[in-house]
Protein backbone atom coordinates (compact mmCIF):
# COMPACT_ATOMS: atom_id res chain seq x y z
CA MET A 1 51.04 -23.54 -12.60
CA TYR A 2 48.97 -22.91 -9.60
CA ASN A 3 45.89 -20.84 -9.54
CA LYS A 4 44.95 -18.12 -7.35
CA ILE A 5 44.38 -20.10 -4.00
CA GLY A 6 47.40 -22.38 -4.84
CA LEU A 7 45.74 -25.47 -6.18
CA ASN A 8 47.15 -27.08 -9.24
CA PRO A 9 44.04 -27.38 -11.96
CA THR A 10 45.57 -31.03 -13.54
CA LEU A 11 45.35 -32.58 -10.37
CA GLU A 12 42.33 -35.18 -11.16
CA ARG A 13 41.48 -35.63 -7.69
CA MET A 14 42.42 -34.02 -4.16
CA ILE A 15 41.08 -34.98 -0.73
CA LEU A 16 39.19 -32.12 1.57
CA ILE A 17 38.16 -32.62 5.09
CA PRO A 18 35.73 -29.81 5.76
CA TYR A 19 35.66 -28.34 9.50
CA ASN A 20 32.46 -29.23 10.22
CA ILE A 21 31.29 -32.06 8.21
CA PRO A 22 28.30 -33.82 10.42
CA GLU A 23 29.26 -36.71 12.39
CA PRO A 24 28.00 -39.70 9.73
CA LYS A 25 29.52 -37.86 6.81
CA ARG A 26 32.87 -37.27 9.25
CA GLN A 27 33.17 -41.04 9.58
CA GLN A 28 33.78 -41.14 5.69
CA ASN A 29 37.15 -39.29 6.42
CA CYS A 30 37.10 -37.14 3.11
CA MET A 31 35.54 -36.50 0.28
CA ASP A 32 36.59 -37.54 -3.22
CA LEU A 33 35.79 -34.17 -5.58
CA SER A 34 36.55 -36.05 -8.87
CA LYS A 35 32.50 -36.50 -8.77
CA SER A 36 29.95 -33.84 -7.52
CA PRO A 37 28.72 -35.06 -4.46
CA VAL A 38 25.09 -32.86 -4.69
CA LEU A 39 24.77 -32.96 -8.21
CA GLY A 40 26.45 -36.26 -9.54
CA ILE A 41 28.45 -34.97 -12.29
CA GLU A 42 31.52 -36.35 -13.24
CA LYS A 43 35.03 -34.80 -13.64
CA MET A 44 34.31 -31.18 -12.64
CA ASP A 45 37.13 -28.53 -13.67
CA ASP A 46 35.20 -25.58 -11.99
CA ILE A 47 37.03 -24.83 -8.31
CA ASP A 48 33.86 -22.29 -7.40
CA HIS A 49 31.76 -25.65 -8.41
CA PHE A 50 34.03 -27.69 -6.34
CA MET A 51 33.47 -24.91 -3.28
CA ALA A 52 29.84 -24.64 -3.48
CA GLU A 53 29.44 -28.46 -3.24
CA VAL A 54 31.79 -28.43 0.17
CA MET A 55 29.94 -25.82 1.75
CA ILE A 56 26.52 -27.11 0.74
CA GLN A 57 27.78 -31.03 2.56
CA ALA A 58 29.46 -29.31 5.21
CA GLU A 59 25.94 -27.14 6.13
CA SER A 60 24.19 -30.72 5.54
CA TYR A 61 22.04 -29.29 2.85
CA ASP A 62 22.80 -31.55 0.21
CA ASP A 63 19.79 -33.94 1.21
CA VAL A 64 17.26 -31.21 1.41
CA LEU A 65 18.26 -28.97 -2.01
CA PRO A 66 17.57 -31.83 -4.58
CA GLN A 67 14.00 -32.29 -2.79
CA ILE A 68 12.93 -28.47 -3.18
CA CYS A 69 14.73 -28.19 -6.68
CA ALA A 70 12.40 -31.07 -7.61
CA ASN A 71 9.88 -29.05 -9.69
CA ASN A 72 12.55 -26.63 -11.07
CA PRO A 73 11.18 -23.65 -9.05
CA LYS A 74 11.38 -19.98 -9.54
CA PHE A 75 13.22 -18.45 -6.47
CA THR A 76 15.01 -15.89 -4.66
CA ILE A 77 16.83 -15.62 -1.67
CA TYR A 78 17.14 -12.47 0.94
CA GLY A 79 20.29 -12.51 3.04
CA ASN A 80 24.19 -11.51 2.57
CA PRO A 81 25.02 -11.68 -0.62
CA GLN A 82 28.28 -11.84 -0.06
CA HIS A 83 28.02 -14.42 2.27
CA SER A 84 29.81 -18.12 0.94
CA ASN A 85 26.28 -19.96 1.81
CA HIS A 86 24.56 -17.45 -0.11
CA LYS A 87 26.40 -17.77 -3.00
CA ALA A 88 26.54 -21.84 -2.96
CA ILE A 89 22.84 -22.11 -2.25
CA ILE A 90 22.47 -20.02 -5.31
CA PHE A 91 25.15 -22.22 -7.54
CA CYS A 92 23.69 -25.46 -6.58
CA MET A 93 20.07 -24.44 -6.94
CA LYS A 94 20.61 -23.25 -10.04
CA ALA A 95 22.72 -26.66 -11.11
CA LEU A 96 19.74 -28.59 -9.99
CA GLY A 97 17.18 -26.52 -12.30
CA GLY A 98 16.27 -23.85 -9.99
CA LYS A 99 15.63 -20.35 -11.63
CA TYR A 100 17.42 -17.33 -9.70
CA PHE A 101 15.86 -13.77 -9.39
CA SER A 102 17.72 -11.28 -7.45
CA ILE A 103 15.10 -10.06 -4.35
CA ASP A 104 14.98 -6.46 -5.71
CA ALA A 105 14.93 -7.12 -9.66
CA ILE A 106 12.05 -10.12 -9.43
CA GLY A 107 9.82 -8.11 -12.45
CA ASP A 108 6.67 -9.70 -13.05
CA GLU A 109 7.78 -13.12 -12.24
CA ILE A 110 5.52 -15.29 -9.86
CA LEU A 111 8.10 -17.06 -7.64
CA ASP A 112 7.69 -20.38 -5.69
CA LEU A 113 10.13 -19.89 -3.08
CA VAL A 114 12.04 -17.47 -1.11
CA LEU A 115 14.74 -18.28 0.93
CA VAL A 116 15.61 -16.15 3.87
CA GLU A 117 19.07 -16.12 5.83
CA ILE A 118 18.19 -16.55 9.43
CA PHE A 119 20.35 -13.62 10.41
CA TRP A 120 18.20 -11.40 8.39
CA LEU A 121 14.85 -12.22 10.10
CA ASN A 122 15.07 -9.26 12.51
CA GLN A 123 15.33 -7.35 8.94
CA LEU A 124 12.41 -8.84 7.16
CA ASN A 125 10.26 -5.60 7.55
CA PHE A 126 12.82 -4.65 4.82
CA MET A 127 12.70 -7.24 2.27
CA PRO A 128 12.54 -5.53 -0.96
CA ASN A 129 8.97 -6.71 -2.68
CA LEU A 130 7.81 -8.10 0.53
CA ILE A 131 4.61 -7.01 0.08
CA ARG A 132 3.90 -8.70 -3.33
CA LEU A 133 5.93 -12.09 -2.31
CA ARG A 134 3.33 -12.42 0.35
CA HIS A 135 0.54 -12.22 -2.18
CA MET A 136 2.13 -14.69 -4.30
CA LYS A 137 -0.41 -17.61 -3.64
CA ARG A 138 1.92 -20.75 -3.76
CA CYS A 139 5.23 -19.09 -2.77
CA GLN A 140 6.40 -20.18 0.34
CA PHE A 141 9.26 -18.52 2.53
CA LEU A 142 11.80 -21.07 3.90
CA VAL A 143 14.54 -19.83 6.53
CA TYR A 144 17.95 -21.61 6.35
CA GLY A 145 21.54 -21.00 8.76
CA TYR A 146 22.29 -21.85 12.28
CA ASP A 147 20.01 -20.63 14.75
CA ILE A 148 22.20 -19.42 18.10
CA LYS A 149 19.30 -19.24 20.12
CA ARG A 150 18.24 -22.86 19.94
CA LEU A 151 21.61 -24.33 18.78
CA ARG A 152 20.75 -26.02 15.77
CA ALA A 153 21.25 -25.74 12.01
CA ILE A 154 17.70 -24.82 10.27
CA LYS A 155 17.80 -26.50 6.55
CA PHE A 156 14.92 -24.54 4.78
CA GLU A 157 12.07 -25.02 7.25
CA SER A 158 8.72 -23.34 6.25
CA TYR A 159 8.33 -19.86 8.14
CA PHE A 160 5.13 -18.02 7.76
CA ILE A 161 2.04 -19.25 9.16
CA SER A 162 -1.20 -18.75 7.33
CA GLY A 163 -3.32 -15.56 8.22
CA GLY A 164 -2.24 -11.93 9.68
CA TYR A 165 -2.10 -8.83 11.99
CA LEU A 166 -4.55 -6.09 10.72
CA ALA A 167 -4.13 -2.56 12.59
CA VAL A 168 -7.32 -0.46 12.19
CA SER A 169 -8.08 3.11 12.60
CA THR A 170 -10.45 4.38 14.96
CA LYS A 171 -11.97 6.55 12.16
CA VAL A 172 -12.42 3.42 10.45
CA ILE A 173 -14.12 1.78 13.02
CA THR A 174 -16.53 4.80 13.90
CA THR A 175 -17.15 6.02 10.28
CA GLU A 176 -17.23 2.91 7.94
CA SER A 177 -20.57 1.39 7.58
CA GLN A 178 -20.29 -2.03 9.29
CA SER A 179 -16.53 -2.08 9.25
CA MET A 180 -15.93 -4.80 11.71
CA GLU A 181 -18.11 -7.00 10.04
CA ARG A 182 -16.64 -6.60 6.82
CA ILE A 183 -13.11 -6.96 7.82
CA PHE A 184 -13.79 -10.28 9.38
CA GLY A 185 -15.90 -11.30 6.57
CA THR A 186 -12.80 -10.90 4.53
CA THR A 187 -10.63 -12.78 6.80
CA GLN A 188 -13.10 -15.71 6.86
CA ILE A 189 -12.48 -16.92 3.13
CA ASN A 190 -8.66 -16.59 3.82
CA ARG A 191 -7.43 -19.60 5.56
CA GLY A 192 -5.50 -19.36 9.15
CA LYS A 193 -5.43 -16.93 12.29
CA TRP A 194 -5.97 -13.25 12.04
CA SER A 195 -6.04 -10.53 14.83
CA ILE A 196 -7.07 -6.91 14.77
CA LEU A 197 -4.96 -4.31 16.80
CA LEU A 198 -6.35 -1.29 18.14
CA ASN A 199 -5.42 1.88 19.72
CA PRO A 200 -5.27 0.87 23.48
CA LYS A 201 -6.68 4.52 24.47
CA MET A 202 -10.34 3.01 22.87
CA LYS A 203 -10.16 0.71 25.52
CA THR A 204 -12.01 3.30 28.38
CA HIS A 205 -14.88 4.40 25.95
CA ILE A 206 -14.89 1.43 23.61
CA ASP A 207 -19.02 0.89 24.42
CA LYS A 208 -19.78 4.02 23.48
CA LEU A 209 -17.59 4.29 20.00
CA MET A 210 -19.60 0.68 19.53
CA ASP A 211 -22.63 1.61 20.69
CA LYS A 212 -25.41 -1.42 19.79
CA ASP A 213 -22.23 -3.37 18.21
CA TYR A 214 -20.45 -3.79 21.89
CA GLY A 215 -21.67 -6.92 22.79
CA ALA A 216 -20.44 -8.79 19.49
CA PHE A 217 -17.05 -6.71 19.35
CA ASN A 218 -16.43 -7.46 23.44
CA ALA A 219 -16.44 -10.99 22.36
CA LYS A 220 -14.31 -10.57 19.80
CA ILE A 221 -11.82 -9.22 22.50
CA LYS A 222 -12.58 -12.07 24.83
CA SER A 223 -11.57 -14.81 21.99
CA GLU A 224 -8.56 -12.43 21.38
CA GLU A 225 -9.48 -11.59 17.88
CA ILE A 226 -9.37 -8.32 18.84
CA LYS A 227 -6.28 -7.25 21.03
CA PHE A 228 -5.30 -3.60 21.62
CA PHE A 229 -1.35 -2.33 21.55
CA GLU A 230 0.56 -2.59 24.86
CA GLU A 231 0.71 0.92 26.33
CA ASP A 232 4.33 1.56 26.41
CA LEU A 233 4.87 0.60 22.59
CA TRP A 234 2.15 2.68 21.79
CA GLU A 235 3.52 5.96 24.09
CA LYS A 236 7.09 5.35 22.02
CA SER A 237 5.64 4.90 18.70
CA GLN A 238 3.21 8.03 19.51
CA GLN A 239 6.19 10.22 20.46
CA ARG A 240 7.64 9.81 17.10
CA HIS A 241 4.66 10.89 15.26
CA ASP A 242 3.11 14.06 17.38
CA ASN A 243 0.08 12.44 18.31
CA ASN A 244 -0.98 11.28 14.77
CA GLU A 245 -2.90 8.17 15.32
CA VAL A 246 -2.14 6.72 11.78
CA GLY A 247 1.64 7.20 12.14
CA THR A 248 1.33 5.92 15.88
CA LEU A 249 -0.34 2.49 14.52
CA TYR A 250 2.11 2.17 11.48
CA TRP A 251 5.11 2.29 13.57
CA SER A 252 3.49 0.10 16.36
CA LEU A 253 2.31 -2.51 13.92
CA LEU A 254 5.87 -2.39 12.80
CA ILE A 255 7.74 -3.06 15.74
CA PHE A 256 5.31 -5.58 17.14
CA TYR A 257 5.66 -7.64 13.58
CA ARG A 258 9.59 -7.14 13.80
CA THR A 259 9.49 -9.17 17.59
CA LEU A 260 7.44 -11.83 16.02
CA ALA A 261 9.31 -11.86 13.13
CA ILE A 262 12.79 -12.50 15.30
CA ASN A 263 11.25 -14.53 17.75
CA GLY A 264 8.72 -17.20 16.02
CA ASN A 265 6.73 -17.70 13.06
CA PRO A 266 4.43 -14.74 12.56
CA PRO A 267 1.42 -14.68 10.12
CA ARG A 268 2.08 -13.84 6.77
CA HIS A 269 0.27 -10.65 6.43
CA CYS A 270 0.95 -7.17 8.01
CA VAL A 271 -1.98 -4.61 7.14
CA LEU A 272 -2.94 -1.27 8.25
CA ILE A 273 -6.19 -0.29 7.74
CA ILE A 274 -7.01 3.47 7.47
CA HIS A 275 -9.74 6.04 5.93
CA GLU A 276 -9.43 7.49 2.53
CA ASP A 277 -9.34 10.59 4.22
CA GLU A 278 -6.20 9.82 6.23
CA MET A 279 -4.31 8.63 3.43
CA GLN A 280 -2.24 11.62 3.39
CA LEU A 281 -0.95 11.12 6.58
CA SER A 282 0.28 7.64 5.87
CA HIS A 283 4.27 7.54 4.94
CA SER A 284 4.51 3.81 3.95
CA GLN A 285 7.60 3.28 2.55
CA ILE A 286 8.64 0.34 4.73
CA PRO A 287 7.86 -2.93 3.07
CA GLY A 288 6.74 -4.75 6.09
CA VAL A 289 3.51 -3.21 6.61
CA GLU A 290 0.66 -3.05 3.93
CA VAL A 291 -1.26 0.12 4.01
CA LEU A 292 -4.77 -0.06 2.50
CA THR A 293 -8.45 1.35 2.80
CA LEU A 294 -11.29 -0.92 3.87
CA LYS A 295 -12.56 -1.05 0.39
CA GLU A 296 -9.04 -1.76 -0.91
CA PHE A 297 -8.73 -4.71 1.62
CA GLU A 298 -11.82 -6.82 0.96
CA LYS A 299 -10.91 -6.23 -2.86
CA LYS A 300 -7.25 -7.35 -2.51
CA PHE A 301 -8.09 -10.11 0.18
CA ASP A 302 -11.37 -11.41 -1.33
CA GLN A 303 -9.35 -12.40 -4.62
CA ILE A 304 -6.66 -14.10 -2.95
CA LEU A 305 -8.05 -17.24 -1.37
CA GLN A 306 -4.41 -17.86 0.06
CA ILE A 307 -2.72 -21.64 -0.10
CA TYR A 308 -0.20 -21.62 2.32
CA GLU A 309 1.14 -25.04 3.25
C-alpha cells in the first residue's frame, strides 16, 4: 500500500535529489535516506523526519544546527509556523537536544535562543514577549533565511548589537532632577552603544531648557549620543496623536526602530522614558517599545549588566 504522498513505506531505501542542494553536496548526486544525514539515526521510518532532514540539508543548515544545539538550548522561533523550514528546524533542533517553546507561550522559562525568520524582521516590533526576551541576559537572537537584498543565505547569524535607543520626553528632561546624568549613568554600566532621541522642536530653545547644563548637553549632541528625530517622521507621527508629545515620541520611536530592524542590526533595547504624570497618555500595546519612568528605567537597567555576545 502507498501512503498519502505516494511513497511505499516498506522501501528500505530511496533516492532523492533536492532542487537546491549546495554545489559540494550536489556533486554527491543523491542522498541515501536509510540513515539520518543530520542526526545520524539509523533506519528511520518517519517520513516527516525524512522530509525535515531533506529541508535542513537543502538549506545547508546541517552544519550549523548541531553547533547551536550543543548545549541543549531552550529556544523559540518567530516566523511563519506553516512554513516548511519553520517546522523542519523545530523538528531537528528538538531531536538534537533543544527544548522548544512557542513564542507566545514561554511562561516563566528563561530561553537561550530566539530564532527569527528574515522575512519577519519587518514585524519584529510585534513579536510576543519581545521585551521580556530582550531582558534575558544570555538569550541570543539569531536570524535565518534567504536575504533577497544581499542574495545570500543567512545561517543563524547574531542579530542584535549591545545597547539601545532611548526616547525621552521633554518633561523628564526639564523636571526630573539631573535627568540626563542619571540616564547616562545607567547606560554606562550596560555594555554597548546607547543613543538618546528627542523631540526635534527642542533644538531651537535647548540652551534655555538646559540652562547651566547646556555645555555638557551640547557636547553629547556633537558626539551623537543625543540625537533628534527627523522633522518629517515627527510631523507624520504628530498627526496621529493630536500634538500629544508622548504619543508622538512613542510612534516616532516605533517607526524609527522598525526601519533599523529591516535594514541592519539594531541595538537590543528600544525604550521610551516619560514622566510618571504622563503615563496615562501612553498607550503602549506594541511590544517593540518599552515604556518606563526614569526611576523604573534606572531600577530595571541597573540590575541587568547585559552579556550579549
